[in-house]
């Protein structure tokens, strides 16, 4: 695994230490990797929504109901 050196502001470093002290994570690296995974998942969701909106704007209409769109969006967002 590539090794990186990063710096944190004092509040962020304290928050990271608190995550480890609570035994939620075993190291700062584990916390940071989890945050990156969450950010990547969130970005994928944003990209999906953006693509749907762009497609909808180009087509001008959809045959799906509000409920269908909401249900589909929630299923994507929840994995």
C-alpha atoms as a PDB file:
ATOM      1  CA  UNK A   1       0.000   0.000   0.000  1.00  0.00           C
ATOM      2  CA  UNK A   2       1.454   3.421  -0.900  1.00  0.00           C
ATOM      3  CA  UNK A   3       2.583   5.446   2.065  1.00  0.00           C
ATOM      4  CA  UNK A   4       1.642   9.130   2.281  1.00  0.00           C
ATOM      5  CA  UNK A   5       2.520  11.955   4.602  1.00  0.00           C
ATOM      6  CA  UNK A   6      -0.244  14.451   5.336  1.00  0.00           C
ATOM      7  CA  UNK A   7      -0.766  17.215   7.867  1.00  0.00           C
ATOM      8  CA  UNK A   8      -3.938  17.930   9.813  1.00  0.00           C
ATOM      9  CA  UNK A   9      -5.196  21.044  11.507  1.00  0.00           C
ATOM     10  CA  UNK A  10      -5.345  20.778  15.282  1.00  0.00           C
ATOM     11  CA  UNK A  11      -9.159  20.284  15.421  1.00  0.00           C
ATOM     12  CA  UNK A  12      -9.015  17.589  12.738  1.00  0.00           C
ATOM     13  CA  UNK A  13      -6.126  15.819  14.457  1.00  0.00           C
ATOM     14  CA  UNK A  14      -8.000  15.874  17.755  1.00  0.00           C
ATOM     15  CA  UNK A  15     -11.095  14.465  16.062  1.00  0.00           C
ATOM     16  CA  UNK A  16      -9.026  11.677  14.490  1.00  0.00           C
ATOM     17  CA  UNK A  17      -7.495  10.837  17.866  1.00  0.00           C
ATOM     18  CA  UNK A  18     -10.972  10.733  19.420  1.00  0.00           C
ATOM     19  CA  UNK A  19     -12.099   8.203  16.783  1.00  0.00           C
ATOM     20  CA  UNK A  20      -9.192   5.955  17.743  1.00  0.00           C
ATOM     21  CA  UNK A  21      -9.710   6.456  21.486  1.00  0.00           C
ATOM     22  CA  UNK A  22     -13.363   5.464  21.107  1.00  0.00           C
ATOM     23  CA  UNK A  23     -12.071   2.234  19.528  1.00  0.00           C
ATOM     24  CA  UNK A  24     -14.175   2.895  16.444  1.00  0.00           C
ATOM     25  CA  UNK A  25     -10.939   2.663  14.432  1.00  0.00           C
ATOM     26  CA  UNK A  26      -7.505   1.300  15.209  1.00  0.00           C
ATOM     27  CA  UNK A  27      -5.420   3.975  13.448  1.00  0.00           C
ATOM     28  CA  UNK A  28      -5.574   7.363  11.769  1.00  0.00           C
ATOM     29  CA  UNK A  29      -4.946   5.617   8.443  1.00  0.00           C
ATOM     30  CA  UNK A  30      -8.034   3.499   8.940  1.00  0.00           C
ATOM     31  CA  UNK A  31     -10.131   6.602   9.673  1.00  0.00           C
ATOM     32  CA  UNK A  32      -8.810   8.456   6.640  1.00  0.00           C
ATOM     33  CA  UNK A  33      -9.308   5.442   4.345  1.00  0.00           C
ATOM     34  CA  UNK A  34     -12.897   5.091   5.572  1.00  0.00           C
ATOM     35  CA  UNK A  35     -13.557   8.791   4.955  1.00  0.00           C
ATOM     36  CA  UNK A  36     -12.113   8.499   1.441  1.00  0.00           C
ATOM     37  CA  UNK A  37     -14.323   5.442   0.738  1.00  0.00           C
ATOM     38  CA  UNK A  38     -17.365   7.380   1.933  1.00  0.00           C
ATOM     39  CA  UNK A  39     -16.425  10.383  -0.217  1.00  0.00           C
ATOM     40  CA  UNK A  40     -15.959   8.147  -3.259  1.00  0.00           C
ATOM     41  CA  UNK A  41     -19.352   6.520  -2.715  1.00  0.00           C
ATOM     42  CA  UNK A  42     -20.982   9.918  -2.270  1.00  0.00           C
ATOM     43  CA  UNK A  43     -19.294  11.190  -5.452  1.00  0.00           C
ATOM     44  CA  UNK A  44     -20.599   8.174  -7.376  1.00  0.00           C
ATOM     45  CA  UNK A  45     -24.103   8.991  -6.159  1.00  0.00           C
ATOM     46  CA  UNK A  46     -23.726  12.650  -7.142  1.00  0.00           C
ATOM     47  CA  UNK A  47     -22.403  11.619 -10.565  1.00  0.00           C
ATOM     48  CA  UNK A  48     -25.376   9.276 -11.059  1.00  0.00           C
ATOM     49  CA  UNK A  49     -27.871  12.004 -10.126  1.00  0.00           C
ATOM     50  CA  UNK A  50     -26.088  14.517 -12.339  1.00  0.00           C
ATOM     51  CA  UNK A  51     -26.162  12.117 -15.299  1.00  0.00           C
ATOM     52  CA  UNK A  52     -29.880  11.453 -14.742  1.00  0.00           C
ATOM     53  CA  UNK A  53     -30.609  15.180 -14.573  1.00  0.00           C
ATOM     54  CA  UNK A  54     -28.594  15.882 -17.718  1.00  0.00           C
ATOM     55  CA  UNK A  55     -30.346  13.051 -19.568  1.00  0.00           C
ATOM     56  CA  UNK A  56     -33.720  14.319 -18.367  1.00  0.00           C
ATOM     57  CA  UNK A  57     -32.924  17.862 -19.450  1.00  0.00           C
ATOM     58  CA  UNK A  58     -31.977  16.616 -22.922  1.00  0.00           C
ATOM     59  CA  UNK A  59     -35.074  14.452 -23.302  1.00  0.00           C
ATOM     60  CA  UNK A  60     -37.460  17.061 -21.981  1.00  0.00           C
ATOM     61  CA  UNK A  61     -39.697  14.592 -20.130  1.00  0.00           C
ATOM     62  CA  UNK A  62     -39.832  11.274 -18.296  1.00  0.00           C
ATOM     63  CA  UNK A  63     -42.440   8.568 -18.108  1.00  0.00           C
ATOM     64  CA  UNK A  64     -41.535   7.724 -14.486  1.00  0.00           C
ATOM     65  CA  UNK A  65     -43.716   9.010 -11.687  1.00  0.00           C
ATOM     66  CA  UNK A  66     -42.281  11.069  -8.819  1.00  0.00           C
ATOM     67  CA  UNK A  67     -42.616   8.018  -6.604  1.00  0.00           C
ATOM     68  CA  UNK A  68     -40.697   5.806  -9.050  1.00  0.00           C
ATOM     69  CA  UNK A  69     -37.907   8.351  -9.404  1.00  0.00           C
ATOM     70  CA  UNK A  70     -37.678   8.760  -5.620  1.00  0.00           C
ATOM     71  CA  UNK A  71     -37.683   4.986  -5.018  1.00  0.00           C
ATOM     72  CA  UNK A  72     -34.973   4.432  -7.627  1.00  0.00           C
ATOM     73  CA  UNK A  73     -32.868   7.305  -6.270  1.00  0.00           C
ATOM     74  CA  UNK A  74     -33.124   5.986  -2.703  1.00  0.00           C
ATOM     75  CA  UNK A  75     -32.101   2.501  -3.777  1.00  0.00           C
ATOM     76  CA  UNK A  76     -29.000   3.907  -5.500  1.00  0.00           C
ATOM     77  CA  UNK A  77     -28.142   6.140  -2.529  1.00  0.00           C
ATOM     78  CA  UNK A  78     -28.481   3.275  -0.045  1.00  0.00           C
ATOM     79  CA  UNK A  79     -26.299   0.950  -2.070  1.00  0.00           C
END
